[in-house]
Amino acid sequence: MADRRYKTKICLVGESGVGKTSLIKKYVLDIFDDKYITTIGTKVSKKSQTFEQGDTKTEMDMMIWDIMGQSSFRVLLQDAYFYGAHGIIAVCDATRPETLEGIHSWIDSTKEIVGDVPIVFLANKSDLGDEVKIDKNMMEKELVKYGMPSMLSSAKTGESVEDAFDTLGKMIIANISED
């Protein structure tokens, strides 16, 4: 039995084709499908997770929101999409450096609506070997002003997927406990 129970809203942000939907499928269903299907509008998935910190057990129902990556739709949907978010996973494509630069506008849009919430940054598709153009140093240099954890990830192999959501969950618990 958990000592505490939270229902949280987590939003994934990033440009089109960076792997947001694949990351969610890997985390929630433990599946990977390399066929690309554009997300239309938003989709919500749910995963319950237990976090143990010392003697305290926290149950968290994560409502994970996926949004289409086209910036033209972001302006139309951002208020409803980000409203009430407890945490963000910001995703870029490790093979496309321009998606790393684009992450700033996603984070700025998020902060306009929900203020400062915990953020974890992922450079996805780390499994693509020689095609990978973004490394940990590049991510840290680009994102130092946000002070957020960053990881290389792969929805295909599962690298850092569980870790990213676990890290964000613990950050959300700490953030809620401060309130």
Protein backbone atom coordinates (compact mmCIF):
# COMPACT_ATOMS: atom_id res chain seq x y z
CA MET A 1 0.00 0.00 0.00
CA ALA A 2 1.35 3.41 -0.98
CA ASP A 3 1.81 6.21 1.53
CA ARG A 4 0.93 8.77 -1.12
CA ARG A 5 -0.85 8.68 -4.48
CA TYR A 6 -0.63 11.28 -7.22
CA LYS A 7 -2.25 11.63 -10.61
CA THR A 8 0.12 13.57 -12.85
CA LYS A 9 0.13 15.02 -16.34
CA ILE A 10 3.33 14.59 -18.31
CA CYS A 11 3.78 16.17 -21.73
CA LEU A 12 6.30 15.13 -24.36
CA VAL A 13 7.50 17.97 -26.57
CA GLY A 14 9.75 18.20 -29.60
CA GLU A 15 9.75 18.56 -33.36
CA SER A 16 7.98 16.17 -35.69
CA GLY A 17 9.68 12.81 -36.20
CA VAL A 18 11.96 12.87 -33.12
CA GLY A 19 10.36 9.75 -31.63
CA LYS A 20 7.96 11.05 -28.97
CA THR A 21 5.26 8.49 -29.79
CA SER A 22 7.83 5.66 -29.97
CA LEU A 23 9.23 6.61 -26.55
CA ILE A 24 5.74 6.53 -25.03
CA LYS A 25 4.96 3.15 -26.64
CA LYS A 26 8.25 1.75 -25.34
CA TYR A 27 7.62 3.02 -21.81
CA VAL A 28 3.92 2.18 -21.51
CA LEU A 29 3.64 -0.98 -23.64
CA ASP A 30 7.29 -2.10 -24.02
CA ILE A 31 6.97 -2.23 -27.82
CA PHE A 32 8.83 -0.58 -30.68
CA ASP A 33 7.49 -0.09 -34.19
CA ASP A 34 9.74 1.65 -36.70
CA LYS A 35 6.89 2.59 -39.04
CA TYR A 36 6.45 6.35 -38.82
CA ILE A 37 2.90 7.55 -38.32
CA THR A 38 2.38 11.26 -37.71
CA THR A 39 0.49 12.07 -34.52
CA ILE A 40 -2.65 14.02 -35.32
CA GLY A 41 -3.72 16.30 -32.47
CA THR A 42 -2.97 14.74 -29.08
CA LYS A 43 -3.02 11.24 -27.62
CA VAL A 44 -3.00 10.34 -23.93
CA SER A 45 -1.52 7.13 -22.48
CA LYS A 46 -1.46 6.03 -18.84
CA LYS A 47 1.11 4.19 -16.77
CA SER A 48 1.09 3.65 -13.01
CA GLN A 49 4.45 3.59 -11.28
CA THR A 50 5.55 3.13 -7.69
CA PHE A 51 8.43 5.23 -6.38
CA GLU A 52 10.20 4.33 -3.15
CA GLN A 53 12.21 7.02 -1.43
CA GLY A 54 13.45 6.00 1.99
CA ASP A 55 10.47 4.64 3.92
CA THR A 56 7.94 6.44 1.71
CA LYS A 57 6.10 4.73 -1.14
CA THR A 58 4.43 6.94 -3.71
CA GLU A 59 2.01 5.62 -6.34
CA MET A 60 1.88 7.80 -9.42
CA ASP A 61 -0.64 7.54 -12.22
CA MET A 62 1.19 9.16 -15.12
CA MET A 63 -1.11 10.55 -17.79
CA ILE A 64 1.36 10.90 -20.67
CA TRP A 65 0.36 13.37 -23.38
CA ASP A 66 1.72 13.14 -26.92
CA ILE A 67 1.29 16.09 -29.30
CA MET A 68 1.95 16.54 -32.99
CA GLY A 69 5.34 18.17 -33.57
CA GLN A 70 4.45 20.73 -36.22
CA SER A 71 5.04 24.21 -34.80
CA SER A 72 1.99 25.67 -36.58
CA PHE A 73 -0.25 23.40 -34.49
CA ARG A 74 1.65 24.10 -31.30
CA VAL A 75 0.31 27.65 -31.23
CA LEU A 76 -3.26 26.38 -31.64
CA LEU A 77 -3.03 23.60 -29.08
CA GLN A 78 -0.47 24.72 -26.52
CA ASP A 79 -2.79 26.21 -23.91
CA ALA A 80 -4.92 23.07 -23.61
CA TYR A 81 -1.99 20.70 -24.09
CA PHE A 82 0.31 22.18 -21.45
CA TYR A 83 -2.35 23.32 -18.96
CA GLY A 84 -1.95 21.45 -15.68
CA ALA A 85 1.28 19.67 -16.68
CA HIS A 86 3.41 18.46 -13.76
CA GLY A 87 6.45 17.58 -15.87
CA ILE A 88 7.88 17.62 -19.40
CA ILE A 89 10.06 15.29 -21.41
CA ALA A 90 11.70 17.37 -24.15
CA VAL A 91 12.87 15.23 -27.08
CA CYS A 92 15.20 15.87 -29.98
CA ASP A 93 16.48 13.51 -32.68
CA ALA A 94 20.16 12.65 -32.06
CA THR A 95 20.67 12.44 -35.84
CA ARG A 96 19.23 15.94 -36.55
CA PRO A 97 20.99 18.76 -34.64
CA GLU A 98 18.38 21.31 -35.74
CA THR A 99 15.86 19.50 -33.52
CA LEU A 100 18.11 20.26 -30.53
CA GLU A 101 18.00 23.97 -31.38
CA GLY A 102 14.21 23.76 -31.79
CA ILE A 103 13.74 22.48 -28.25
CA HIS A 104 14.12 26.02 -26.84
CA SER A 105 10.83 27.22 -28.34
CA TRP A 106 9.04 24.14 -26.98
CA ILE A 107 10.38 24.79 -23.49
CA ASP A 108 9.54 28.50 -23.72
CA SER A 109 5.97 27.65 -24.80
CA THR A 110 5.64 25.25 -21.88
CA LYS A 111 6.92 27.77 -19.32
CA GLU A 112 4.46 30.40 -20.60
CA ILE A 113 1.54 28.14 -19.65
CA VAL A 114 2.70 26.18 -16.57
CA GLY A 115 5.74 28.06 -15.25
CA ASP A 116 8.71 26.09 -13.97
CA VAL A 117 7.95 22.38 -13.90
CA PRO A 118 10.48 19.54 -13.90
CA ILE A 119 11.93 18.76 -17.33
CA VAL A 120 14.01 15.83 -18.55
CA PHE A 121 15.73 16.14 -21.91
CA LEU A 122 16.26 13.21 -24.31
CA ALA A 123 18.30 12.99 -27.50
CA ASN A 124 16.50 10.01 -29.02
CA LYS A 125 17.67 7.50 -31.66
CA SER A 126 21.07 6.89 -30.06
CA ASP A 127 21.00 3.40 -31.59
CA LEU A 128 21.66 4.79 -35.09
CA GLY A 129 25.47 4.60 -34.77
CA ASP A 130 27.32 6.74 -37.32
CA GLU A 131 24.20 8.83 -38.01
CA VAL A 132 24.22 10.20 -34.43
CA LYS A 133 25.41 13.82 -34.44
CA ILE A 134 24.43 14.91 -30.91
CA ASP A 135 26.44 13.76 -27.90
CA LYS A 136 26.08 14.37 -24.16
CA ASN A 137 28.51 17.34 -24.19
CA MET A 138 26.60 19.04 -27.00
CA MET A 139 23.31 18.57 -25.12
CA GLU A 140 24.70 19.91 -21.87
CA LYS A 141 26.22 22.95 -23.58
CA GLU A 142 22.99 23.76 -25.43
CA LEU A 143 20.75 23.21 -22.41
CA VAL A 144 22.90 24.42 -19.49
CA LYS A 145 20.59 27.38 -18.79
CA TYR A 146 17.69 25.04 -17.97
CA GLY A 147 19.61 22.90 -15.47
CA MET A 148 17.72 19.79 -16.50
CA PRO A 149 18.93 16.20 -16.66
CA SER A 150 19.76 15.08 -20.19
CA MET A 151 20.21 11.59 -21.59
CA LEU A 152 20.85 9.82 -24.86
CA SER A 153 17.94 7.47 -25.50
CA SER A 154 16.62 4.88 -27.91
CA ALA A 155 12.97 3.91 -28.15
CA LYS A 156 14.17 0.91 -30.18
CA THR A 157 16.62 -0.56 -27.65
CA GLY A 158 15.00 0.98 -24.56
CA GLU A 159 18.18 2.87 -23.61
CA SER A 160 17.32 5.50 -20.94
CA VAL A 161 13.55 5.31 -21.58
CA GLU A 162 12.60 3.91 -18.16
CA ASP A 163 15.29 6.05 -16.54
CA ALA A 164 13.91 9.26 -18.09
CA PHE A 165 10.37 8.66 -16.81
CA ASP A 166 11.66 7.50 -13.39
CA THR A 167 13.86 10.60 -13.09
CA LEU A 168 10.96 12.85 -14.06
CA GLY A 169 8.62 11.06 -11.63
CA LYS A 170 11.04 11.60 -8.73
CA MET A 171 11.47 15.27 -9.72
CA ILE A 172 7.68 15.71 -9.77
CA ILE A 173 7.34 14.11 -6.31
CA ALA A 174 10.03 16.46 -4.94
CA ASN A 175 8.30 19.41 -6.61
CA ILE A 176 4.87 18.48 -5.20
CA SER A 177 6.38 17.93 -1.72
CA GLU A 178 7.80 21.48 -1.78
CA ASP A 179 4.35 23.01 -2.35
